[in-house]
């Protein structure tokens, strides 16, 4: 079963996420990967998101995979019912996932029924390739990333924070540059994309 929740902001779509948890009877144990945020100046949103997940009744374990071994990272993903991946730098996130060989692990766990929830960078890596994020994020923060091929869970590319400051200009530039090359799906901070085996729906909070 495929079940993906892709959003610009976990904090601003909690009501939508709770609706998905209730509808699909998801177990309450969550692994929250905060790696993408570790190279950003503004990290305070991570604590806000973590607290928000706990208020939903989830048992949350937060970790930075850059600080763990490959086996430790894989074991954590193997044992969770929900994998939530935070926003931050998309290129750094992908670099660290690839260094730990976690893309195949995540794909397999999703096929086994794990809910994948991605916020901003975490939503972008669900696409086949993240190169379109180069206007919004700095590829220079991922000096060891050798290619931009990502999870390829979806046949479109989420464009988060559309129309939202301070990202509005970068999002519009991205849309202008790539709309004829990619199937971009722009979403604002109050929307989420729910992807199942048979359907793809934009939810509004």
N, C-alpha and C. Protein backbone atom coordinates (compact mmCIF):
# COMPACT_ATOMS: atom_id res chain seq x y z
N UNK A 1 0.84 -1.20 0.00
CA UNK A 1 0.00 0.00 0.00
C UNK A 1 0.88 1.25 0.00
N UNK A 2 0.58 2.18 -0.87
CA UNK A 2 1.29 3.46 -0.91
C UNK A 2 0.46 4.51 -0.17
N UNK A 3 1.11 5.21 0.77
CA UNK A 3 0.43 6.29 1.48
C UNK A 3 1.46 7.38 1.77
N UNK A 4 1.29 8.51 1.07
CA UNK A 4 2.21 9.63 1.21
C UNK A 4 1.44 10.89 1.59
N UNK A 5 2.02 11.67 2.50
CA UNK A 5 1.46 12.96 2.90
C UNK A 5 2.55 13.99 2.66
N UNK A 6 2.36 14.82 1.64
CA UNK A 6 3.40 15.76 1.21
C UNK A 6 2.90 17.19 1.41
N UNK A 7 3.66 18.00 2.14
CA UNK A 7 3.19 19.32 2.51
C UNK A 7 4.33 20.33 2.52
N UNK A 8 3.98 21.60 2.59
CA UNK A 8 4.98 22.65 2.75
C UNK A 8 5.34 22.83 4.22
N UNK A 9 4.35 22.63 5.09
CA UNK A 9 4.52 22.93 6.51
C UNK A 9 3.71 21.97 7.37
N UNK A 10 4.40 21.13 8.15
CA UNK A 10 3.68 20.25 9.07
C UNK A 10 2.88 21.08 10.07
N UNK A 11 3.46 22.17 10.56
CA UNK A 11 2.82 22.97 11.60
C UNK A 11 1.48 23.54 11.15
N UNK A 12 1.37 23.85 9.85
CA UNK A 12 0.16 24.49 9.35
C UNK A 12 -0.81 23.53 8.69
N UNK A 13 -0.50 22.24 8.73
CA UNK A 13 -1.42 21.24 8.16
C UNK A 13 -1.68 20.10 9.14
N UNK A 14 -1.56 20.38 10.43
CA UNK A 14 -1.77 19.33 11.43
C UNK A 14 -3.17 18.74 11.36
N UNK A 15 -4.16 19.58 11.10
CA UNK A 15 -5.53 19.09 11.02
C UNK A 15 -5.68 18.09 9.88
N UNK A 16 -5.02 18.36 8.77
CA UNK A 16 -5.08 17.45 7.62
C UNK A 16 -4.37 16.14 7.93
N UNK A 17 -3.23 16.23 8.61
CA UNK A 17 -2.46 15.04 8.95
C UNK A 17 -3.25 14.15 9.91
N UNK A 18 -3.90 14.76 10.89
CA UNK A 18 -4.70 14.00 11.84
C UNK A 18 -5.84 13.28 11.13
N UNK A 19 -6.42 13.95 10.15
CA UNK A 19 -7.50 13.35 9.37
C UNK A 19 -7.02 12.08 8.66
N UNK A 20 -5.80 12.16 8.10
CA UNK A 20 -5.23 11.00 7.41
C UNK A 20 -4.94 9.87 8.39
N UNK A 21 -4.37 10.21 9.54
CA UNK A 21 -4.08 9.19 10.56
C UNK A 21 -5.34 8.46 10.98
N UNK A 22 -6.41 9.21 11.19
CA UNK A 22 -7.68 8.61 11.62
C UNK A 22 -8.30 7.76 10.52
N UNK A 23 -8.28 8.27 9.30
CA UNK A 23 -8.91 7.55 8.20
C UNK A 23 -8.25 6.22 7.92
N UNK A 24 -6.91 6.19 7.97
CA UNK A 24 -6.19 4.98 7.60
C UNK A 24 -5.74 4.16 8.80
N UNK A 25 -6.20 4.54 10.00
CA UNK A 25 -5.91 3.77 11.23
C UNK A 25 -4.41 3.50 11.38
N UNK A 26 -3.63 4.55 11.25
CA UNK A 26 -2.17 4.43 11.32
C UNK A 26 -1.73 4.28 12.78
N UNK A 27 -0.81 3.37 13.03
CA UNK A 27 -0.23 3.24 14.37
C UNK A 27 0.50 4.53 14.73
N UNK A 28 0.68 4.74 16.02
CA UNK A 28 1.10 6.06 16.50
C UNK A 28 2.60 6.26 16.65
N UNK A 29 3.42 5.30 16.25
CA UNK A 29 4.87 5.46 16.42
C UNK A 29 5.49 6.13 15.19
N UNK A 30 6.16 7.25 15.43
CA UNK A 30 6.71 8.06 14.34
C UNK A 30 8.22 8.26 14.50
N UNK A 31 8.93 8.14 13.39
CA UNK A 31 10.33 8.54 13.31
C UNK A 31 10.37 9.88 12.58
N UNK A 32 10.95 10.88 13.20
CA UNK A 32 11.00 12.23 12.65
C UNK A 32 12.44 12.56 12.30
N UNK A 33 12.76 12.56 11.01
CA UNK A 33 14.12 12.86 10.54
C UNK A 33 14.26 14.37 10.35
N UNK A 34 15.16 14.96 11.11
CA UNK A 34 15.32 16.42 11.12
C UNK A 34 16.57 16.87 10.37
N UNK A 35 17.19 15.98 9.63
CA UNK A 35 18.50 16.22 9.01
C UNK A 35 18.53 17.47 8.13
N UNK A 36 17.51 17.67 7.31
CA UNK A 36 17.52 18.78 6.36
C UNK A 36 17.64 20.13 7.04
N UNK A 37 17.15 20.23 8.27
CA UNK A 37 17.16 21.51 8.99
C UNK A 37 18.49 21.82 9.65
N UNK A 38 19.35 20.82 9.77
CA UNK A 38 20.57 21.01 10.55
C UNK A 38 21.55 21.99 9.92
N UNK A 39 21.45 22.23 8.63
CA UNK A 39 22.37 23.16 7.96
C UNK A 39 21.72 24.52 7.70
N UNK A 40 20.53 24.72 8.25
CA UNK A 40 19.82 25.98 8.07
C UNK A 40 20.02 26.89 9.28
N UNK A 41 20.02 28.20 9.06
CA UNK A 41 20.13 29.15 10.17
C UNK A 41 18.90 29.07 11.08
N UNK A 42 17.73 28.96 10.46
CA UNK A 42 16.48 28.94 11.23
C UNK A 42 16.07 27.49 11.46
N UNK A 43 16.18 27.03 12.71
CA UNK A 43 15.85 25.65 13.06
C UNK A 43 14.70 25.57 14.06
N UNK A 44 14.22 26.71 14.53
CA UNK A 44 13.23 26.70 15.61
C UNK A 44 11.95 25.96 15.22
N UNK A 45 11.65 25.90 13.93
CA UNK A 45 10.41 25.26 13.50
C UNK A 45 10.40 23.77 13.84
N UNK A 46 11.58 23.18 14.00
CA UNK A 46 11.65 21.75 14.31
C UNK A 46 11.00 21.44 15.65
N UNK A 47 11.29 22.25 16.65
CA UNK A 47 10.70 22.05 17.97
C UNK A 47 9.19 22.25 17.92
N UNK A 48 8.75 23.22 17.13
CA UNK A 48 7.31 23.47 16.97
C UNK A 48 6.62 22.26 16.34
N UNK A 49 7.25 21.70 15.31
CA UNK A 49 6.68 20.54 14.64
C UNK A 49 6.66 19.34 15.57
N UNK A 50 7.77 19.12 16.28
CA UNK A 50 7.86 17.99 17.21
C UNK A 50 6.75 18.06 18.26
N UNK A 51 6.57 19.24 18.84
CA UNK A 51 5.53 19.43 19.85
C UNK A 51 4.14 19.21 19.25
N UNK A 52 3.96 19.67 18.02
CA UNK A 52 2.68 19.47 17.34
C UNK A 52 2.35 18.01 17.13
N UNK A 53 3.35 17.22 16.74
CA UNK A 53 3.14 15.78 16.57
C UNK A 53 2.76 15.13 17.89
N UNK A 54 3.43 15.52 18.97
CA UNK A 54 3.11 14.95 20.28
C UNK A 54 1.68 15.29 20.70
N UNK A 55 1.24 16.50 20.37
CA UNK A 55 -0.13 16.90 20.71
C UNK A 55 -1.17 16.08 19.95
N UNK A 56 -0.76 15.51 18.82
CA UNK A 56 -1.65 14.63 18.07
C UNK A 56 -1.71 13.23 18.68
N UNK A 57 -0.91 13.01 19.73
CA UNK A 57 -0.91 11.71 20.39
C UNK A 57 0.12 10.74 19.84
N UNK A 58 1.04 11.24 19.03
CA UNK A 58 2.05 10.38 18.42
C UNK A 58 3.23 10.17 19.37
N UNK A 59 3.81 8.98 19.31
CA UNK A 59 5.05 8.69 20.03
C UNK A 59 6.19 8.99 19.07
N UNK A 60 6.85 10.12 19.26
CA UNK A 60 7.80 10.64 18.27
C UNK A 60 9.24 10.42 18.71
N UNK A 61 10.03 9.86 17.79
CA UNK A 61 11.48 9.79 17.98
C UNK A 61 12.12 10.66 16.91
N UNK A 62 12.83 11.69 17.33
CA UNK A 62 13.50 12.59 16.38
C UNK A 62 14.97 12.23 16.28
N UNK A 63 15.48 12.23 15.06
CA UNK A 63 16.91 11.95 14.90
C UNK A 63 17.46 12.62 13.65
N UNK A 64 18.77 12.80 13.68
CA UNK A 64 19.52 13.32 12.53
C UNK A 64 20.35 12.17 11.99
N UNK A 65 20.02 11.70 10.79
CA UNK A 65 20.71 10.52 10.26
C UNK A 65 22.18 10.78 9.99
N UNK A 66 22.58 12.04 9.88
CA UNK A 66 23.99 12.35 9.66
C UNK A 66 24.83 11.94 10.86
N UNK A 67 24.19 11.81 12.02
CA UNK A 67 24.91 11.47 13.24
C UNK A 67 24.88 9.98 13.54
N UNK A 68 24.18 9.20 12.72
CA UNK A 68 24.05 7.77 12.96
C UNK A 68 24.77 6.96 11.89
N UNK A 69 25.02 5.71 12.19
CA UNK A 69 25.61 4.81 11.21
C UNK A 69 24.53 4.38 10.22
N UNK A 70 24.96 3.75 9.13
CA UNK A 70 24.00 3.24 8.15
C UNK A 70 23.06 2.23 8.78
N UNK A 71 23.59 1.32 9.57
CA UNK A 71 22.75 0.28 10.17
C UNK A 71 21.79 0.86 11.20
N UNK A 72 22.24 1.83 11.98
CA UNK A 72 21.37 2.46 12.98
C UNK A 72 20.22 3.21 12.30
N UNK A 73 20.54 3.92 11.22
CA UNK A 73 19.52 4.67 10.48
C UNK A 73 18.49 3.73 9.88
N UNK A 74 18.97 2.66 9.25
CA UNK A 74 18.06 1.70 8.61
C UNK A 74 17.17 1.02 9.65
N UNK A 75 17.75 0.67 10.78
CA UNK A 75 16.98 0.01 11.84
C UNK A 75 15.85 0.90 12.33
N UNK A 76 16.13 2.19 12.47
CA UNK A 76 15.10 3.13 12.93
C UNK A 76 13.95 3.21 11.94
N UNK A 77 14.27 3.23 10.65
CA UNK A 77 13.23 3.30 9.62
C UNK A 77 12.45 1.99 9.54
N UNK A 78 13.14 0.89 9.76
CA UNK A 78 12.49 -0.43 9.72
C UNK A 78 11.42 -0.57 10.80
N UNK A 79 11.59 0.13 11.91
CA UNK A 79 10.74 -0.13 13.07
C UNK A 79 9.60 0.87 13.26
N UNK A 80 9.47 1.87 12.37
CA UNK A 80 8.43 2.89 12.57
C UNK A 80 7.22 2.65 11.65
N UNK A 81 6.08 3.14 12.10
CA UNK A 81 4.86 3.09 11.28
C UNK A 81 4.70 4.34 10.43
N UNK A 82 5.28 5.45 10.92
CA UNK A 82 5.23 6.73 10.21
C UNK A 82 6.65 7.28 10.11
N UNK A 83 7.06 7.63 8.91
CA UNK A 83 8.34 8.31 8.71
C UNK A 83 8.05 9.74 8.29
N UNK A 84 8.39 10.69 9.15
CA UNK A 84 8.21 12.11 8.84
C UNK A 84 9.58 12.72 8.56
N UNK A 85 9.69 13.46 7.47
CA UNK A 85 10.96 14.06 7.07
C UNK A 85 10.78 15.57 7.01
N UNK A 86 11.57 16.28 7.79
CA UNK A 86 11.38 17.72 7.95
C UNK A 86 11.87 18.52 6.75
N UNK A 87 11.51 19.80 6.78
CA UNK A 87 12.03 20.74 5.80
C UNK A 87 13.45 21.15 6.13
N UNK A 88 14.03 21.93 5.23
CA UNK A 88 15.42 22.37 5.36
C UNK A 88 16.06 22.39 3.99
N UNK A 89 17.33 22.03 3.92
CA UNK A 89 18.02 22.02 2.63
C UNK A 89 17.83 20.68 1.94
N UNK A 90 17.18 20.70 0.79
CA UNK A 90 16.84 19.48 0.06
C UNK A 90 18.08 18.72 -0.38
N UNK A 91 19.09 19.42 -0.82
CA UNK A 91 20.29 18.78 -1.34
C UNK A 91 21.08 18.10 -0.23
N UNK A 92 21.19 18.76 0.91
CA UNK A 92 21.88 18.15 2.05
C UNK A 92 21.12 16.91 2.53
N UNK A 93 19.80 17.00 2.59
CA UNK A 93 18.98 15.86 2.99
C UNK A 93 19.23 14.67 2.08
N UNK A 94 19.17 14.90 0.77
CA UNK A 94 19.37 13.80 -0.17
C UNK A 94 20.78 13.23 -0.04
N UNK A 95 21.76 14.11 0.13
CA UNK A 95 23.15 13.65 0.29
C UNK A 95 23.27 12.67 1.46
N UNK A 96 22.69 13.04 2.60
CA UNK A 96 22.82 12.20 3.79
C UNK A 96 22.04 10.90 3.65
N UNK A 97 20.88 10.94 3.01
CA UNK A 97 20.12 9.71 2.76
C UNK A 97 20.89 8.77 1.86
N UNK A 98 21.54 9.32 0.84
CA UNK A 98 22.32 8.49 -0.08
C UNK A 98 23.57 7.93 0.59
N UNK A 99 24.23 8.73 1.41
CA UNK A 99 25.43 8.27 2.11
C UNK A 99 25.13 7.06 2.98
N UNK A 100 23.91 6.99 3.52
CA UNK A 100 23.51 5.88 4.38
C UNK A 100 22.71 4.82 3.62
N UNK A 101 22.63 4.97 2.29
CA UNK A 101 21.91 4.00 1.45
C UNK A 101 20.47 3.77 1.92
N UNK A 102 19.79 4.85 2.24
CA UNK A 102 18.46 4.74 2.82
C UNK A 102 17.31 4.85 1.82
N UNK A 103 17.57 5.29 0.60
CA UNK A 103 16.47 5.42 -0.37
C UNK A 103 15.78 4.08 -0.62
N UNK A 104 16.53 2.99 -0.88
CA UNK A 104 15.86 1.70 -1.08
C UNK A 104 15.10 1.23 0.16
N UNK A 105 15.63 1.52 1.32
CA UNK A 105 14.96 1.13 2.57
C UNK A 105 13.63 1.85 2.71
N UNK A 106 13.63 3.15 2.44
CA UNK A 106 12.40 3.94 2.53
C UNK A 106 11.37 3.46 1.51
N UNK A 107 11.80 3.22 0.28
CA UNK A 107 10.87 2.73 -0.75
C UNK A 107 10.22 1.41 -0.32
N UNK A 108 11.04 0.50 0.18
CA UNK A 108 10.52 -0.81 0.58
C UNK A 108 9.55 -0.68 1.74
N UNK A 109 9.89 0.14 2.73
CA UNK A 109 9.01 0.30 3.88
C UNK A 109 7.67 0.93 3.48
N UNK A 110 7.69 1.84 2.53
CA UNK A 110 6.44 2.41 2.04
C UNK A 110 5.59 1.32 1.38
N UNK A 111 6.23 0.46 0.61
CA UNK A 111 5.50 -0.63 -0.05
C UNK A 111 4.92 -1.61 0.97
N UNK A 112 5.51 -1.64 2.16
CA UNK A 112 5.03 -2.53 3.23
C UNK A 112 3.96 -1.87 4.10
N UNK A 113 3.64 -0.60 3.81
CA UNK A 113 2.56 0.06 4.52
C UNK A 113 2.95 1.22 5.41
N UNK A 114 4.24 1.55 5.48
CA UNK A 114 4.65 2.70 6.28
C UNK A 114 4.15 4.00 5.64
N UNK A 115 3.61 4.90 6.46
CA UNK A 115 3.19 6.21 5.98
C UNK A 115 4.41 7.11 5.86
N UNK A 116 4.62 7.69 4.68
CA UNK A 116 5.69 8.65 4.48
C UNK A 116 5.10 10.04 4.50
N UNK A 117 5.59 10.88 5.41
CA UNK A 117 5.14 12.27 5.51
C UNK A 117 6.34 13.18 5.26
N UNK A 118 6.27 14.00 4.22
CA UNK A 118 7.38 14.87 3.88
C UNK A 118 6.97 16.33 3.89
N UNK A 119 7.79 17.15 4.55
CA UNK A 119 7.54 18.58 4.64
C UNK A 119 8.60 19.34 3.84
N UNK A 120 8.17 20.14 2.87
CA UNK A 120 9.09 20.98 2.09
C UNK A 120 10.19 20.12 1.46
N UNK A 121 11.41 20.16 1.98
CA UNK A 121 12.48 19.32 1.43
C UNK A 121 12.08 17.85 1.45
N UNK A 122 11.39 17.44 2.51
CA UNK A 122 10.93 16.06 2.62
C UNK A 122 9.89 15.70 1.58
N UNK A 123 9.14 16.71 1.10
CA UNK A 123 8.18 16.49 0.02
C UNK A 123 8.86 16.50 -1.34
N UNK A 124 9.86 17.36 -1.49
CA UNK A 124 10.57 17.47 -2.77
C UNK A 124 11.29 16.17 -3.11
N UNK A 125 11.89 15.50 -2.11
CA UNK A 125 12.65 14.27 -2.41
C UNK A 125 11.76 13.10 -2.78
N UNK A 126 10.44 13.25 -2.67
CA UNK A 126 9.54 12.20 -3.13
C UNK A 126 9.53 12.11 -4.65
N UNK A 127 9.96 13.17 -5.33
CA UNK A 127 10.01 13.20 -6.79
C UNK A 127 11.17 12.35 -7.31
N UNK A 128 11.24 12.22 -8.62
CA UNK A 128 12.32 11.43 -9.22
C UNK A 128 13.66 12.14 -9.15
N UNK A 129 13.64 13.47 -9.15
CA UNK A 129 14.88 14.25 -9.18
C UNK A 129 14.63 15.59 -8.48
N UNK A 130 15.63 16.08 -7.77
CA UNK A 130 15.45 17.32 -7.00
C UNK A 130 16.15 18.52 -7.61
N UNK A 131 16.69 18.40 -8.80
CA UNK A 131 17.47 19.50 -9.37
C UNK A 131 16.66 20.79 -9.48
N UNK A 132 15.33 20.68 -9.63
CA UNK A 132 14.49 21.87 -9.76
C UNK A 132 14.48 22.72 -8.48
N UNK A 133 14.96 22.14 -7.36
CA UNK A 133 14.96 22.87 -6.09
C UNK A 133 16.15 23.81 -5.96
N UNK A 134 16.99 23.88 -6.98
CA UNK A 134 18.21 24.67 -6.91
C UNK A 134 18.01 26.17 -6.81
N UNK A 135 16.83 26.65 -7.16
CA UNK A 135 16.55 28.08 -7.01
C UNK A 135 16.16 28.39 -5.57
N UNK A 136 15.45 27.47 -4.94
CA UNK A 136 14.99 27.67 -3.57
C UNK A 136 16.04 27.30 -2.53
N UNK A 137 16.85 26.29 -2.82
CA UNK A 137 17.84 25.78 -1.88
C UNK A 137 19.24 25.91 -2.46
N UNK A 138 20.24 25.87 -1.59
CA UNK A 138 21.63 25.97 -2.03
C UNK A 138 22.25 24.58 -2.20
N UNK A 139 22.55 24.17 -3.44
CA UNK A 139 23.22 22.89 -3.65
C UNK A 139 24.61 22.86 -3.03
N UNK A 140 25.19 24.04 -2.80
CA UNK A 140 26.53 24.12 -2.24
C UNK A 140 26.64 23.56 -0.83
N UNK A 141 25.52 23.38 -0.14
CA UNK A 141 25.54 22.81 1.20
C UNK A 141 25.65 21.29 1.18
N UNK A 142 25.69 20.72 -0.02
CA UNK A 142 25.81 19.26 -0.16
C UNK A 142 26.96 18.95 -1.10
N UNK A 143 28.17 19.23 -0.64
CA UNK A 143 29.37 19.09 -1.48
C UNK A 143 29.64 17.65 -1.89
N UNK A 144 29.11 16.69 -1.13
CA UNK A 144 29.37 15.27 -1.43
C UNK A 144 28.26 14.62 -2.25
N UNK A 145 27.26 15.39 -2.64
CA UNK A 145 26.16 14.84 -3.44
C UNK A 145 26.59 14.75 -4.90
N UNK A 146 26.59 13.54 -5.46
CA UNK A 146 27.09 13.33 -6.82
C UNK A 146 26.00 13.30 -7.87
N UNK A 147 24.74 13.11 -7.46
CA UNK A 147 23.62 13.17 -8.40
C UNK A 147 22.37 13.58 -7.65
N UNK A 148 21.36 13.98 -8.38
CA UNK A 148 20.15 14.52 -7.74
C UNK A 148 18.94 13.60 -7.90
N UNK A 149 19.16 12.34 -8.25
CA UNK A 149 18.06 11.39 -8.33
C UNK A 149 17.55 11.08 -6.93
N UNK A 150 16.24 11.13 -6.76
CA UNK A 150 15.65 11.00 -5.43
C UNK A 150 14.80 9.73 -5.30
N UNK A 151 13.75 9.80 -4.46
CA UNK A 151 12.98 8.60 -4.14
C UNK A 151 12.12 8.08 -5.29
N UNK A 152 11.68 8.97 -6.17
CA UNK A 152 10.83 8.58 -7.31
C UNK A 152 9.58 7.83 -6.84
N UNK A 153 8.93 8.38 -5.84
CA UNK A 153 7.68 7.81 -5.33
C UNK A 153 6.48 8.31 -6.12
N UNK A 154 6.65 9.43 -6.82
CA UNK A 154 5.55 10.09 -7.53
C UNK A 154 6.02 10.49 -8.92
N UNK A 155 5.06 10.69 -9.83
CA UNK A 155 5.41 11.07 -11.20
C UNK A 155 5.25 12.57 -11.45
N UNK A 156 5.22 13.32 -10.35
CA UNK A 156 5.18 14.79 -10.44
C UNK A 156 6.16 15.33 -9.41
N UNK A 157 6.28 16.65 -9.35
CA UNK A 157 7.24 17.28 -8.44
C UNK A 157 6.53 18.35 -7.62
N UNK A 158 6.55 18.19 -6.31
CA UNK A 158 5.90 19.16 -5.43
C UNK A 158 6.73 20.45 -5.38
N UNK A 159 6.05 21.58 -5.52
CA UNK A 159 6.67 22.89 -5.38
C UNK A 159 6.09 23.54 -4.12
N UNK A 160 6.77 23.39 -2.97
CA UNK A 160 6.20 23.86 -1.71
C UNK A 160 6.33 25.37 -1.52
N UNK A 161 5.56 25.89 -0.58
CA UNK A 161 5.58 27.30 -0.17
C UNK A 161 5.18 28.26 -1.29
N UNK A 162 4.39 27.79 -2.25
CA UNK A 162 4.03 28.64 -3.38
C UNK A 162 3.19 29.83 -2.91
N UNK A 163 3.64 31.03 -3.26
CA UNK A 163 2.95 32.25 -2.85
C UNK A 163 3.19 32.66 -1.42
N UNK A 164 4.10 31.97 -0.74
CA UNK A 164 4.36 32.23 0.68
C UNK A 164 5.72 32.89 0.86
N UNK A 165 5.75 33.96 1.63
CA UNK A 165 7.03 34.60 1.95
C UNK A 165 7.78 33.78 3.01
N UNK A 166 9.11 33.75 2.96
CA UNK A 166 10.00 34.49 2.04
C UNK A 166 10.35 33.73 0.77
N UNK A 167 9.49 32.76 0.39
CA UNK A 167 9.82 31.88 -0.73
C UNK A 167 9.11 32.23 -2.03
N UNK A 168 8.22 33.22 -2.01
CA UNK A 168 7.34 33.48 -3.15
C UNK A 168 8.11 33.72 -4.45
N UNK A 169 9.12 34.56 -4.40
CA UNK A 169 9.87 34.88 -5.62
C UNK A 169 10.62 33.67 -6.16
N UNK A 170 11.27 32.92 -5.28
CA UNK A 170 12.01 31.73 -5.71
C UNK A 170 11.07 30.67 -6.27
N UNK A 171 9.91 30.53 -5.67
CA UNK A 171 8.92 29.56 -6.17
C UNK A 171 8.44 29.95 -7.57
N UNK A 172 8.17 31.23 -7.76
CA UNK A 172 7.70 31.69 -9.07
C UNK A 172 8.78 31.50 -10.12
N UNK A 173 10.03 31.78 -9.77
CA UNK A 173 11.14 31.56 -10.71
C UNK A 173 11.27 30.09 -11.07
N UNK A 174 11.08 29.23 -10.08
CA UNK A 174 11.14 27.78 -10.32
C UNK A 174 10.03 27.35 -11.26
N UNK A 175 8.83 27.85 -11.02
CA UNK A 175 7.71 27.51 -11.89
C UNK A 175 7.96 28.00 -13.31
N UNK A 176 8.43 29.22 -13.45
CA UNK A 176 8.69 29.78 -14.78
C UNK A 176 9.74 28.97 -15.53
N UNK A 177 10.75 28.51 -14.82
CA UNK A 177 11.85 27.80 -15.48
C UNK A 177 11.51 26.35 -15.81
N UNK A 178 10.71 25.71 -14.98
CA UNK A 178 10.54 24.25 -15.12
C UNK A 178 9.14 23.80 -15.52
N UNK A 179 8.19 24.71 -15.65
CA UNK A 179 6.82 24.26 -15.89
C UNK A 179 6.65 23.55 -17.23
N UNK A 180 7.52 23.81 -18.19
CA UNK A 180 7.44 23.12 -19.47
C UNK A 180 8.28 21.84 -19.50
N UNK A 181 9.05 21.61 -18.44
CA UNK A 181 9.95 20.45 -18.39
C UNK A 181 9.49 19.40 -17.39
N UNK A 182 8.81 19.84 -16.35
CA UNK A 182 8.37 18.95 -15.28
C UNK A 182 6.89 19.13 -15.01
N UNK A 183 6.29 18.11 -14.42
CA UNK A 183 4.92 18.23 -13.96
C UNK A 183 4.96 18.75 -12.52
N UNK A 184 5.01 20.07 -12.40
CA UNK A 184 5.10 20.70 -11.08
C UNK A 184 3.73 20.84 -10.45
N UNK A 185 3.67 20.58 -9.14
CA UNK A 185 2.43 20.77 -8.39
C UNK A 185 2.70 21.79 -7.28
N UNK A 186 2.36 23.07 -7.51
CA UNK A 186 2.58 24.09 -6.48
C UNK A 186 1.55 23.95 -5.35
N UNK A 187 2.02 24.04 -4.11
CA UNK A 187 1.11 24.05 -2.96
C UNK A 187 1.56 25.14 -1.98
N UNK A 188 0.58 25.74 -1.31
CA UNK A 188 0.91 26.75 -0.30
C UNK A 188 1.10 26.07 1.06
N UNK A 189 1.28 26.88 2.10
CA UNK A 189 1.58 26.32 3.42
C UNK A 189 0.39 25.68 4.11
N UNK A 190 -0.80 25.83 3.54
CA UNK A 190 -2.00 25.28 4.15
C UNK A 190 -2.58 24.12 3.34
N UNK A 191 -1.81 23.61 2.42
CA UNK A 191 -2.24 22.50 1.58
C UNK A 191 -1.32 21.30 1.78
N UNK A 192 -1.84 20.14 1.44
CA UNK A 192 -1.03 18.92 1.45
C UNK A 192 -1.49 18.03 0.31
N UNK A 193 -0.59 17.21 -0.17
CA UNK A 193 -0.91 16.26 -1.23
C UNK A 193 -0.97 14.88 -0.60
N UNK A 194 -2.11 14.22 -0.73
CA UNK A 194 -2.26 12.86 -0.24
C UNK A 194 -2.18 11.91 -1.43
N UNK A 195 -1.20 11.03 -1.41
CA UNK A 195 -1.00 10.07 -2.49
C UNK A 195 -1.27 8.68 -1.96
N UNK A 196 -2.19 7.97 -2.62
CA UNK A 196 -2.46 6.58 -2.28
C UNK A 196 -2.16 5.71 -3.50
N UNK A 197 -2.42 4.44 -3.37
CA UNK A 197 -2.17 3.51 -4.47
C UNK A 197 -2.91 3.92 -5.73
N UNK A 198 -4.12 4.46 -5.55
CA UNK A 198 -5.00 4.72 -6.69
C UNK A 198 -5.29 6.18 -6.97
N UNK A 199 -4.83 7.08 -6.10
CA UNK A 199 -5.30 8.45 -6.24
C UNK A 199 -4.27 9.45 -5.71
N UNK A 200 -4.46 10.70 -6.12
CA UNK A 200 -3.64 11.81 -5.64
C UNK A 200 -4.58 13.00 -5.44
N UNK A 201 -4.64 13.51 -4.21
CA UNK A 201 -5.59 14.55 -3.87
C UNK A 201 -4.89 15.70 -3.14
N UNK A 202 -5.23 16.93 -3.51
CA UNK A 202 -4.73 18.09 -2.77
C UNK A 202 -5.73 18.42 -1.68
N UNK A 203 -5.26 18.38 -0.44
CA UNK A 203 -6.10 18.66 0.72
C UNK A 203 -5.91 20.11 1.15
N UNK A 204 -6.97 20.72 1.67
CA UNK A 204 -6.92 22.13 2.11
C UNK A 204 -7.25 22.21 3.59
N UNK A 205 -6.44 22.95 4.34
CA UNK A 205 -6.73 23.13 5.77
C UNK A 205 -7.53 24.41 5.99
